[in-house]
C-alpha atoms as a PDB file:
ATOM      1  CA  MET A   1     -34.660 249.851 261.873  1.00  0.00           C
ATOM      2  CA  ASP A   2     -33.529 248.324 258.588  1.00  0.00           C
ATOM      3  CA  LEU A   3     -31.036 245.574 259.042  1.00  0.00           C
ATOM      4  CA  ILE A   4     -27.588 246.320 257.679  1.00  0.00           C
ATOM      5  CA  PRO A   5     -25.575 243.324 256.457  1.00  0.00           C
ATOM      6  CA  THR A   6     -22.891 242.527 259.007  1.00  0.00           C
ATOM      7  CA  THR A   7     -20.808 240.205 256.912  1.00  0.00           C
ATOM      8  CA  GLY A   8     -17.501 241.852 256.326  1.00  0.00           C
ATOM      9  CA  ALA A   9     -15.801 244.915 257.675  1.00  0.00           C
ATOM     10  CA  LEU A  10     -17.940 247.349 255.679  1.00  0.00           C
ATOM     11  CA  GLY A  11     -21.179 246.016 257.144  1.00  0.00           C
ATOM     12  CA  VAL A  12     -19.788 246.177 260.681  1.00  0.00           C
ATOM     13  CA  ALA A  13     -18.574 249.738 260.149  1.00  0.00           C
ATOM     14  CA  ARG A  14     -21.960 250.868 258.815  1.00  0.00           C
ATOM     15  CA  LEU A  15     -23.811 249.210 261.693  1.00  0.00           C
ATOM     16  CA  LEU A  16     -21.453 250.796 264.218  1.00  0.00           C
ATOM     17  CA  MET A  17     -22.109 254.216 262.684  1.00  0.00           C
ATOM     18  CA  ALA A  18     -25.836 253.572 262.911  1.00  0.00           C
ATOM     19  CA  ALA A  19     -25.551 252.544 266.579  1.00  0.00           C
ATOM     20  CA  ARG A  20     -23.521 255.595 267.529  1.00  0.00           C
ATOM     21  CA  GLY A  21     -25.748 257.896 265.497  1.00  0.00           C
ATOM     22  CA  SER A  22     -28.876 256.625 267.255  1.00  0.00           C
ATOM     23  CA  ARG A  23     -27.129 256.972 270.622  1.00  0.00           C
ATOM     24  CA  ASP A  24     -26.033 260.551 269.929  1.00  0.00           C
ATOM     25  CA  HIS A  25     -29.573 261.510 268.831  1.00  0.00           C
ATOM     26  CA  GLY A  26     -31.115 260.003 271.973  1.00  0.00           C
ATOM     27  CA  ASP A  27     -32.780 257.021 270.284  1.00  0.00           C
ATOM     28  CA  ILE A  28     -31.520 254.554 272.869  1.00  0.00           C
ATOM     29  CA  ASP A  29     -33.789 251.682 271.849  1.00  0.00           C
ATOM     30  CA  ALA A  30     -32.450 251.773 268.290  1.00  0.00           C
ATOM     31  CA  ALA A  31     -28.890 252.129 269.553  1.00  0.00           C
ATOM     32  CA  GLU A  32     -29.268 249.115 271.851  1.00  0.00           C
ATOM     33  CA  ALA A  33     -30.611 246.988 269.001  1.00  0.00           C
ATOM     34  CA  ALA A  34     -27.723 248.007 266.752  1.00  0.00           C
ATOM     35  CA  TYR A  35     -25.086 247.329 269.394  1.00  0.00           C
ATOM     36  CA  GLU A  36     -26.583 243.921 270.193  1.00  0.00           C
ATOM     37  CA  GLU A  37     -26.596 242.999 266.501  1.00  0.00           C
ATOM     38  CA  LEU A  38     -22.974 244.091 266.268  1.00  0.00           C
ATOM     39  CA  LEU A  39     -22.010 241.934 269.242  1.00  0.00           C
ATOM     40  CA  GLN A  40     -23.673 238.929 267.683  1.00  0.00           C
ATOM     41  CA  ALA A  41     -21.475 239.418 264.618  1.00  0.00           C
ATOM     42  CA  ARG A  42     -18.323 240.362 266.542  1.00  0.00           C
ATOM     43  CA  PRO A  43     -18.647 238.876 270.070  1.00  0.00           C
ATOM     44  CA  HIS A  44     -14.916 239.187 270.704  1.00  0.00           C
ATOM     45  CA  LEU A  45     -14.960 243.011 270.536  1.00  0.00           C
ATOM     46  CA  VAL A  46     -14.888 244.068 274.185  1.00  0.00           C
ATOM     47  CA  SER A  47     -14.821 247.726 273.114  1.00  0.00           C
ATOM     48  CA  LEU A  48     -18.379 247.350 271.762  1.00  0.00           C
ATOM     49  CA  GLU A  49     -19.471 245.697 275.012  1.00  0.00           C
ATOM     50  CA  LEU A  50     -18.041 248.631 276.955  1.00  0.00           C
ATOM     51  CA  GLU A  51     -19.780 251.189 274.709  1.00  0.00           C
ATOM     52  CA  LEU A  52     -23.154 249.505 275.116  1.00  0.00           C
ATOM     53  CA  ALA A  53     -22.774 249.170 278.902  1.00  0.00           C
ATOM     54  CA  ALA A  54     -21.617 252.779 279.298  1.00  0.00           C
ATOM     55  CA  MET A  55     -24.615 253.995 277.287  1.00  0.00           C
ATOM     56  CA  ARG A  56     -26.998 251.966 279.443  1.00  0.00           C
ATOM     57  CA  LEU A  57     -25.486 253.388 282.628  1.00  0.00           C
ATOM     58  CA  GLU A  58     -25.679 256.923 281.276  1.00  0.00           C
ATOM     59  CA  HIS A  59     -29.377 256.557 280.519  1.00  0.00           C
ATOM     60  CA  GLY A  60     -30.303 254.708 283.710  1.00  0.00           C
ATOM     61  CA  ARG A  61     -30.854 251.280 282.160  1.00  0.00           C
ATOM     62  CA  LEU A  62     -29.059 249.676 285.052  1.00  0.00           C
ATOM     63  CA  ASP A  63     -30.725 246.262 285.094  1.00  0.00           C
ATOM     64  CA  ALA A  64     -29.926 245.760 281.418  1.00  0.00           C
ATOM     65  CA  ALA A  65     -26.328 246.806 282.033  1.00  0.00           C
ATOM     66  CA  VAL A  66     -25.959 244.371 284.930  1.00  0.00           C
ATOM     67  CA  ARG A  67     -27.349 241.478 282.896  1.00  0.00           C
ATOM     68  CA  GLN A  68     -25.124 242.314 279.929  1.00  0.00           C
ATOM     69  CA  LEU A  69     -21.923 242.702 281.932  1.00  0.00           C
ATOM     70  CA  ARG A  70     -22.469 239.580 284.013  1.00  0.00           C
ATOM     71  CA  GLN A  71     -23.017 237.567 280.888  1.00  0.00           C
ATOM     72  CA  ARG A  72     -19.836 238.906 279.356  1.00  0.00           C
ATOM     73  CA  LEU A  73     -17.791 238.332 282.522  1.00  0.00           C
ATOM     74  CA  SER A  74     -18.979 234.726 282.609  1.00  0.00           C
ATOM     75  CA  PHE A  75     -17.109 233.993 279.388  1.00  0.00           C
ATOM     76  CA  ALA A  76     -13.930 231.998 279.833  1.00  0.00           C
ATOM     77  CA  GLN A  77     -12.147 234.192 277.299  1.00  0.00           C
ATOM     78  CA  ILE A  78     -12.718 237.937 277.651  1.00  0.00           C
ATOM     79  CA  GLY A  79      -9.555 239.553 276.419  1.00  0.00           C
ATOM     80  CA  SER A  80      -6.866 241.219 278.442  1.00  0.00           C
ATOM     81  CA  ASP A  81      -6.816 241.733 282.208  1.00  0.00           C
ATOM     82  CA  GLU A  82      -7.466 245.410 281.520  1.00  0.00           C
ATOM     83  CA  ASP A  83     -10.620 244.492 279.570  1.00  0.00           C
ATOM     84  CA  ARG A  84     -11.861 242.477 282.532  1.00  0.00           C
ATOM     85  CA  ARG A  85     -11.140 245.321 284.956  1.00  0.00           C
ATOM     86  CA  GLN A  86     -13.075 247.782 282.797  1.00  0.00           C
ATOM     87  CA  LEU A  87     -16.061 245.446 282.568  1.00  0.00           C
ATOM     88  CA  GLU A  88     -15.965 244.871 286.350  1.00  0.00           C
ATOM     89  CA  ALA A  89     -15.732 248.612 286.972  1.00  0.00           C
ATOM     90  CA  LEU A  90     -18.907 249.240 284.946  1.00  0.00           C
ATOM     91  CA  LEU A  91     -20.706 246.356 286.650  1.00  0.00           C
ATOM     92  CA  LEU A  92     -19.677 247.695 290.040  1.00  0.00           C
ATOM     93  CA  GLU A  93     -20.928 251.173 289.171  1.00  0.00           C
ATOM     94  CA  ALA A  94     -24.292 249.778 288.072  1.00  0.00           C
ATOM     95  CA  LEU A  95     -24.651 247.765 291.285  1.00  0.00           C
ATOM     96  CA  LEU A  96     -23.647 250.671 293.509  1.00  0.00           C
ATOM     97  CA  ARG A  97     -26.071 253.036 291.827  1.00  0.00           C
ATOM     98  CA  GLN A  98     -28.829 250.549 292.646  1.00  0.00           C
ATOM     99  CA  GLU A  99     -27.472 250.156 296.200  1.00  0.00           C
ATOM    100  CA  ARG A 100     -27.059 246.417 295.677  1.00  0.00           C
ATOM    101  CA  TRP A 101     -24.322 246.301 298.297  1.00  0.00           C
ATOM    102  CA  VAL A 102     -24.252 242.545 298.831  1.00  0.00           C
ATOM    103  CA  GLU A 103     -23.846 241.795 295.134  1.00  0.00           C
ATOM    104  CA  ALA A 104     -21.148 244.447 294.841  1.00  0.00           C
ATOM    105  CA  GLU A 105     -19.189 243.140 297.839  1.00  0.00           C
ATOM    106  CA  PRO A 106     -16.984 240.579 295.968  1.00  0.00           C
ATOM    107  CA  LEU A 107     -15.968 243.182 293.375  1.00  0.00           C
ATOM    108  CA  LEU A 108     -15.212 245.690 296.106  1.00  0.00           C
ATOM    109  CA  ARG A 109     -13.082 243.169 297.992  1.00  0.00           C
ATOM    110  CA  ALA A 110     -11.088 242.581 294.829  1.00  0.00           C
ATOM    111  CA  LEU A 111     -10.499 246.297 294.424  1.00  0.00           C
ATOM    112  CA  TRP A 112      -9.452 246.616 298.049  1.00  0.00           C
ATOM    113  CA  SER A 113      -7.028 243.684 297.795  1.00  0.00           C
ATOM    114  CA  ARG A 114      -5.408 245.329 294.762  1.00  0.00           C
ATOM    115  CA  GLY A 115      -5.089 248.622 296.605  1.00  0.00           C
ATOM    116  CA  GLN A 116      -7.319 250.340 294.048  1.00  0.00           C
ATOM    117  CA  ALA A 117     -10.343 251.093 296.234  1.00  0.00           C
ATOM    118  CA  GLU A 118     -11.401 254.727 296.523  1.00  0.00           C
ATOM    119  CA  PRO A 119     -13.125 256.061 299.677  1.00  0.00           C
ATOM    120  CA  HIS A 120     -16.589 255.617 298.124  1.00  0.00           C
ATOM    121  CA  HIS A 121     -15.660 252.013 297.321  1.00  0.00           C
ATOM    122  CA  LEU A 122     -14.706 251.370 300.945  1.00  0.00           C
ATOM    123  CA  LEU A 123     -17.942 252.948 302.108  1.00  0.00           C
ATOM    124  CA  ALA A 124     -19.869 250.649 299.784  1.00  0.00           C
ATOM    125  CA  LEU A 125     -17.802 247.642 300.895  1.00  0.00           C
ATOM    126  CA  ALA A 126     -18.735 248.341 304.523  1.00  0.00           C
ATOM    127  CA  ARG A 127     -22.400 248.379 303.544  1.00  0.00           C
ATOM    128  CA  GLY A 128     -21.976 245.141 301.610  1.00  0.00           C
ATOM    129  CA  LEU A 129     -20.296 243.456 304.571  1.00  0.00           C
ATOM    130  CA  GLU A 130     -23.095 244.613 306.838  1.00  0.00           C
ATOM    131  CA  GLY A 131     -25.586 243.123 304.391  1.00  0.00           C
ATOM    132  CA  ILE A 132     -24.058 239.673 304.829  1.00  0.00           C
ATOM    133  CA  GLY A 133     -23.823 240.016 308.617  1.00  0.00           C
ATOM    134  CA  GLN A 134     -20.100 240.750 308.892  1.00  0.00           C
ATOM    135  CA  ASP A 135     -20.426 243.782 311.141  1.00  0.00           C
ATOM    136  CA  GLU A 136     -16.935 243.603 312.633  1.00  0.00           C
ATOM    137  CA  GLN A 137     -15.349 243.510 309.187  1.00  0.00           C
ATOM    138  CA  ALA A 138     -17.492 246.465 308.144  1.00  0.00           C
ATOM    139  CA  LEU A 139     -16.179 248.458 311.112  1.00  0.00           C
ATOM    140  CA  ALA A 140     -12.626 247.393 310.276  1.00  0.00           C
ATOM    141  CA  VAL A 141     -12.993 248.615 306.688  1.00  0.00           C
ATOM    142  CA  LEU A 142     -14.249 252.005 307.852  1.00  0.00           C
ATOM    143  CA  GLY A 143     -11.469 252.267 310.416  1.00  0.00           C
ATOM    144  CA  THR A 144      -8.869 251.425 307.775  1.00  0.00           C
ATOM    145  CA  ALA A 145     -10.321 253.970 305.383  1.00  0.00           C
ATOM    146  CA  LEU A 146     -10.175 256.701 308.028  1.00  0.00           C
ATOM    147  CA  GLU A 147      -6.482 256.029 308.648  1.00  0.00           C
ATOM    148  CA  GLY A 148      -5.593 257.451 305.236  1.00  0.00           C
ATOM    149  CA  ASP A 149      -3.824 260.799 305.384  1.00  0.00           C
ATOM    150  CA  ASP A 150      -4.746 261.759 301.830  1.00  0.00           C
ATOM    151  CA  LEU A 151      -8.524 261.696 302.280  1.00  0.00           C
ATOM    152  CA  ASP A 152     -10.292 264.818 301.112  1.00  0.00           C
ATOM    153  CA  PRO A 153     -12.426 266.491 303.831  1.00  0.00           C
ATOM    154  CA  GLU A 154     -15.779 265.452 302.372  1.00  0.00           C
ATOM    155  CA  ALA A 155     -14.771 261.796 302.040  1.00  0.00           C
ATOM    156  CA  ARG A 156     -13.421 261.760 305.610  1.00  0.00           C
ATOM    157  CA  LEU A 157     -16.643 263.274 306.909  1.00  0.00           C
ATOM    158  CA  GLU A 158     -18.802 260.735 305.061  1.00  0.00           C
ATOM    159  CA  LEU A 159     -16.754 257.821 306.388  1.00  0.00           C
ATOM    160  CA  GLN A 160     -16.793 259.226 309.943  1.00  0.00           C
ATOM    161  CA  VAL A 161     -20.573 259.647 309.923  1.00  0.00           C
ATOM    162  CA  GLU A 162     -21.024 256.127 308.536  1.00  0.00           C
ATOM    163  CA  LEU A 163     -18.820 254.746 311.326  1.00  0.00           C
ATOM    164  CA  ALA A 164     -20.830 256.602 313.992  1.00  0.00           C
ATOM    165  CA  ARG A 165     -24.152 255.396 312.611  1.00  0.00           C
ATOM    166  CA  ARG A 166     -22.978 251.816 312.355  1.00  0.00           C
ATOM    167  CA  LEU A 167     -21.729 251.866 315.973  1.00  0.00           C
ATOM    168  CA  ARG A 168     -25.062 253.262 317.098  1.00  0.00           C
ATOM    169  CA  LYS A 169     -26.933 250.563 315.184  1.00  0.00           C
ATOM    170  CA  LEU A 170     -24.831 247.935 316.945  1.00  0.00           C
ATOM    171  CA  GLY A 171     -25.667 249.483 320.340  1.00  0.00           C
ATOM    172  CA  ARG A 172     -22.143 250.722 321.064  1.00  0.00           C
ATOM    173  CA  LEU A 173     -23.401 254.093 322.103  1.00  0.00           C
ATOM    174  CA  GLN A 174     -20.344 255.542 323.833  1.00  0.00           C
ATOM    175  CA  LYS A 175     -18.150 254.807 320.829  1.00  0.00           C
ATOM    176  CA  ALA A 176     -20.895 256.149 318.577  1.00  0.00           C
ATOM    177  CA  ILE A 177     -20.879 259.393 320.585  1.00  0.00           C
ATOM    178  CA  GLU A 178     -17.099 259.659 320.175  1.00  0.00           C
ATOM    179  CA  ALA A 179     -17.301 259.015 316.428  1.00  0.00           C
ATOM    180  CA  MET A 180     -20.173 261.453 315.860  1.00  0.00           C
ATOM    181  CA  SER A 181     -18.404 264.088 317.971  1.00  0.00           C
ATOM    182  CA  LEU A 182     -15.447 263.867 315.579  1.00  0.00           C
ATOM    183  CA  ALA A 183     -17.828 264.257 312.652  1.00  0.00           C
ATOM    184  CA  VAL A 184     -19.285 267.401 314.227  1.00  0.00           C
ATOM    185  CA  LEU A 185     -15.767 268.771 314.695  1.00  0.00           C
ATOM    186  CA  LEU A 186     -15.091 268.142 310.999  1.00  0.00           C
ATOM    187  CA  ALA A 187     -18.213 270.059 309.964  1.00  0.00           C
ATOM    188  CA  PRO A 188     -19.490 272.231 312.860  1.00  0.00           C
ATOM    189  CA  GLU A 189     -21.673 274.219 310.478  1.00  0.00           C
ATOM    190  CA  ARG A 190     -23.843 271.191 309.671  1.00  0.00           C
ATOM    191  CA  LEU A 191     -26.703 271.396 312.146  1.00  0.00           C
ATOM    192  CA  PRO A 192     -28.190 267.945 311.308  1.00  0.00           C
ATOM    193  CA  LEU A 193     -24.984 266.285 312.519  1.00  0.00           C
ATOM    194  CA  ALA A 194     -25.132 268.163 315.822  1.00  0.00           C
ATOM    195  CA  MET A 195     -28.775 267.134 316.197  1.00  0.00           C
ATOM    196  CA  GLU A 196     -27.851 263.518 315.473  1.00  0.00           C
ATOM    197  CA  LEU A 197     -25.146 263.689 318.134  1.00  0.00           C
ATOM    198  CA  THR A 198     -27.743 264.931 320.621  1.00  0.00           C
ATOM    199  CA  GLU A 199     -29.984 261.994 319.717  1.00  0.00           C
ATOM    200  CA  VAL A 200     -27.196 259.478 320.360  1.00  0.00           C
ATOM    201  CA  ARG A 201     -26.381 261.101 323.707  1.00  0.00           C
ATOM    202  CA  ALA A 202     -30.050 261.019 324.683  1.00  0.00           C
ATOM    203  CA  GLN A 203     -30.296 257.349 323.716  1.00  0.00           C
ATOM    204  CA  ALA A 204     -27.258 256.548 325.857  1.00  0.00           C
ATOM    205  CA  LEU A 205     -28.752 258.379 328.869  1.00  0.00           C
ATOM    206  CA  ILE A 206     -32.083 256.592 328.480  1.00  0.00           C
ATOM    207  CA  GLU A 207     -30.293 253.244 328.317  1.00  0.00           C
ATOM    208  CA  ARG A 208     -28.279 254.141 331.416  1.00  0.00           C
ATOM    209  CA  GLY A 209     -31.417 255.231 333.270  1.00  0.00           C
ATOM    210  CA  GLU A 210     -33.396 252.122 332.355  1.00  0.00           C
ATOM    211  CA  GLU A 211     -30.557 249.858 333.485  1.00  0.00           C
ATOM    212  CA  ALA A 212     -30.422 251.719 336.811  1.00  0.00           C
ATOM    213  CA  LEU A 213     -34.179 251.361 337.247  1.00  0.00           C
ATOM    214  CA  ALA A 214     -33.918 247.633 336.627  1.00  0.00           C
ATOM    215  CA  ARG A 215     -31.294 247.457 339.418  1.00  0.00           C
ATOM    216  CA  GLU A 216     -33.486 249.650 341.650  1.00  0.00           C
ATOM    217  CA  ASP A 217     -30.625 252.119 341.845  1.00  0.00           C
ATOM    218  CA  TRP A 218     -32.795 255.210 342.191  1.00  0.00           C
ATOM    219  CA  THR A 219     -29.876 257.609 342.640  1.00  0.00           C
ATOM    220  CA  GLU A 220     -28.156 256.575 339.412  1.00  0.00           C
ATOM    221  CA  ALA A 221     -31.464 256.527 337.531  1.00  0.00           C
ATOM    222  CA  ARG A 222     -32.271 260.040 338.712  1.00  0.00           C
ATOM    223  CA  ARG A 223     -28.844 261.292 337.656  1.00  0.00           C
ATOM    224  CA  ALA A 224     -29.266 259.796 334.195  1.00  0.00           C
ATOM    225  CA  TYR A 225     -32.725 261.258 333.622  1.00  0.00           C
ATOM    226  CA  GLN A 226     -31.765 264.618 335.075  1.00  0.00           C
ATOM    227  CA  SER A 227     -28.875 264.704 332.602  1.00  0.00           C
ATOM    228  CA  LEU A 228     -31.332 263.829 329.855  1.00  0.00           C
ATOM    229  CA  LEU A 229     -33.557 266.690 330.944  1.00  0.00           C
ATOM    230  CA  ASP A 230     -30.574 269.043 330.908  1.00  0.00           C
ATOM    231  CA  LEU A 231     -29.825 267.878 327.372  1.00  0.00           C
ATOM    232  CA  ARG A 232     -33.429 268.140 326.192  1.00  0.00           C
ATOM    233  CA  PRO A 233     -35.493 270.259 328.613  1.00  0.00           C
ATOM    234  CA  ASP A 234     -38.859 269.078 327.265  1.00  0.00           C
ATOM    235  CA  ASP A 235     -37.995 265.395 326.957  1.00  0.00           C
ATOM    236  CA  ALA A 236     -41.134 263.414 327.774  1.00  0.00           C
ATOM    237  CA  THR A 237     -39.232 260.293 328.818  1.00  0.00           C
ATOM    238  CA  ALA A 238     -37.089 262.214 331.294  1.00  0.00           C
ATOM    239  CA  LEU A 239     -40.105 263.963 332.838  1.00  0.00           C
ATOM    240  CA  GLN A 240     -42.049 260.710 333.097  1.00  0.00           C
ATOM    241  CA  ARG A 241     -39.191 258.773 334.651  1.00  0.00           C
ATOM    242  CA  LEU A 242     -38.363 261.503 337.173  1.00  0.00           C
ATOM    243  CA  GLU A 243     -42.012 261.544 338.233  1.00  0.00           C
ATOM    244  CA  LEU A 244     -41.903 257.763 338.564  1.00  0.00           C
ATOM    245  CA  LEU A 245     -38.751 257.982 340.660  1.00  0.00           C
ATOM    246  CA  GLN A 246     -40.392 260.520 342.949  1.00  0.00           C
ATOM    247  CA  SER A 247     -43.236 258.081 343.580  1.00  0.00           C
ATOM    248  CA  LEU A 248     -40.842 255.198 344.165  1.00  0.00           C
ATOM    249  CA  ASP A 249     -38.647 257.111 346.614  1.00  0.00           C
ATOM    250  CA  PRO A 250     -40.516 260.268 347.695  1.00  0.00           C
ATOM    251  CA  ALA A 251     -38.589 260.939 350.905  1.00  0.00           C
ATOM    252  CA  GLY A 252     -35.117 259.622 350.337  1.00  0.00           C
ATOM    253  CA  LEU A 253     -34.591 260.607 346.695  1.00  0.00           C
ATOM    254  CA  GLN A 254     -33.522 264.181 347.342  1.00  0.00           C
ATOM    255  CA  HIS A 255     -31.335 263.215 350.294  1.00  0.00           C
ATOM    256  CA  SER A 256     -29.650 260.463 348.291  1.00  0.00           C
ATOM    257  CA  SER A 257     -28.739 262.886 345.531  1.00  0.00           C
ATOM    258  CA  GLU A 258     -27.309 265.361 348.033  1.00  0.00           C
ATOM    259  CA  ALA A 259     -25.650 263.146 350.606  1.00  0.00           C
ATOM    260  CA  GLY A 260     -25.004 260.019 348.505  1.00  0.00           C
ATOM    261  CA  ALA A 261     -25.993 256.445 349.235  1.00  0.00           C
ATOM    262  CA  GLY A 262     -26.379 255.142 352.785  1.00  0.00           C
ATOM    263  CA  ASP A 263     -28.442 256.098 355.846  1.00  0.00           C
ATOM    264  CA  LEU A 264     -28.988 259.692 356.915  1.00  0.00           C
ATOM    265  CA  PRO A 265     -26.975 260.993 359.879  1.00  0.00           C
ATOM    266  CA  GLY A 266     -28.722 260.397 363.213  1.00  0.00           C
ATOM    267  CA  TRP A 267     -29.861 263.973 363.869  1.00  0.00           C
ATOM    268  CA  ARG A 268     -31.298 264.298 360.335  1.00  0.00           C
ATOM    269  CA  GLN A 269     -33.142 260.988 360.630  1.00  0.00           C
ATOM    270  CA  ASP A 270     -34.610 262.088 363.955  1.00  0.00           C
ATOM    271  CA  ALA A 271     -35.747 265.394 362.467  1.00  0.00           C
ATOM    272  CA  ALA A 272     -37.280 263.609 359.501  1.00  0.00           C
ATOM    273  CA  ASP A 273     -39.168 261.240 361.817  1.00  0.00           C
ATOM    274  CA  ARG A 274     -40.496 264.180 363.876  1.00  0.00           C
ATOM    275  CA  LEU A 275     -41.596 266.010 360.730  1.00  0.00           C
ATOM    276  CA  ALA A 276     -43.410 262.918 359.474  1.00  0.00           C
ATOM    277  CA  GLY A 277     -45.221 262.537 362.834  1.00  0.00           C
ATOM    278  CA  PHE A 278     -46.172 266.214 362.802  1.00  0.00           C
ATOM    279  CA  SER A 279     -47.591 265.851 359.286  1.00  0.00           C
ATOM    280  CA  GLN A 280     -49.707 262.896 360.375  1.00  0.00           C
ATOM    281  CA  LEU A 281     -51.012 264.927 363.343  1.00  0.00           C
ATOM    282  CA  LEU A 282     -52.084 267.745 361.005  1.00  0.00           C
ATOM    283  CA  ASP A 283     -53.924 265.230 358.814  1.00  0.00           C
ATOM    284  CA  ARG A 284     -55.876 263.884 361.816  1.00  0.00           C
ATOM    285  CA  LEU A 285     -56.812 267.418 362.999  1.00  0.00           C
ATOM    286  CA  GLU A 286     -58.083 268.350 359.526  1.00  0.00           C
ATOM    287  CA  GLN A 287     -60.133 265.167 359.271  1.00  0.00           C
ATOM    288  CA  ALA A 288     -61.711 265.776 362.668  1.00  0.00           C
ATOM    289  CA  ALA A 289     -62.551 269.390 361.820  1.00  0.00           C
ATOM    290  CA  ALA A 290     -64.107 268.357 358.535  1.00  0.00           C
ATOM    291  CA  ALA A 291     -66.297 265.804 360.296  1.00  0.00           C
ATOM    292  CA  GLU A 292     -67.610 268.434 362.774  1.00  0.00           C
ATOM    293  CA  GLY A 293     -68.090 271.116 360.142  1.00  0.00           C
ATOM    294  CA  ALA A 294     -65.709 273.457 361.966  1.00  0.00           C
ATOM    295  CA  PRO A 295     -62.595 275.171 360.648  1.00  0.00           C
ATOM    296  CA  PRO A 296     -59.411 273.227 361.337  1.00  0.00           C
ATOM    297  CA  ALA A 297     -57.653 273.936 364.599  1.00  0.00           C
ATOM    298  CA  GLU A 298     -54.396 275.845 364.761  1.00  0.00           C
ATOM    299  CA  PRO A 299     -51.523 273.359 364.606  1.00  0.00           C
ATOM    300  CA  PRO A 300     -49.375 272.938 367.693  1.00  0.00           C
ATOM    301  CA  ALA A 301     -45.845 274.154 367.708  1.00  0.00           C
ATOM    302  CA  VAL A 302     -43.281 271.873 366.130  1.00  0.00           C
ATOM    303  CA  PRO A 303     -41.422 270.091 368.923  1.00  0.00           C
ATOM    304  CA  PRO A 304     -37.741 270.936 369.004  1.00  0.00           C
ATOM    305  CA  ALA A 305     -35.268 268.411 367.614  1.00  0.00           C
ATOM    306  CA  ALA A 306     -33.361 266.454 370.180  1.00  0.00           C
END
């Protein structure tokens, strides 16, 4: 574009018209060049800085907006406190749209300390805190946000789901189940949330079952994996672990689930011993018959229990 003299008010006015005209006609490159030339001539005009940054955000030139706004905010003299807040608000928007949570975290903290943070700011602050390893503070921010009585339903749901997912990520599965259950109550029509709740419950049951296996507590392990199978009838992990448990405790597993831990009553133990001996006798008869090429003999009567 032809350079327009910027010395004097008339030159500045004409260049500003050219910048806005290019912007309104979609020639963003020309508009950027005009705005930058204007700012070189009038660097104290924060209004021009805000116009250029807003245009860059509108057209997705986020990196350029971040560089511009950071440079401006680094100046010792910016203008009024309101000017600084507007520049910070645009910088924060650019960072959040790029999901640069860690870089946005200081600006979000400032908003929160001034009591000006909106629910989406608090959500972003929690993500920023997580990014710098401050998980407990992230949970605290979400908890504080959910205490507000004036939250609109969609914001409350988003915060509740974020809390549940963060608890799950930290391995606090029971609290994650509670949080996700509340989210499902807030939006029972949203099937993906119900499915996510099922996944968290399944994860908790698997964890419970694996811990029981490590302790060799077959009864508790079986209960956990049976519950998992009830939750998801075709769950491969549940089927595999129940088969494993059957091989680890083939005789006592069923009795332990029915009668609880401890030895069987005397008469049941005696009956079980007699049945085991009878089964071994059948095996020997079948082996002998197979060796002689004759059909197996009729089994003897089961001896009566004492």
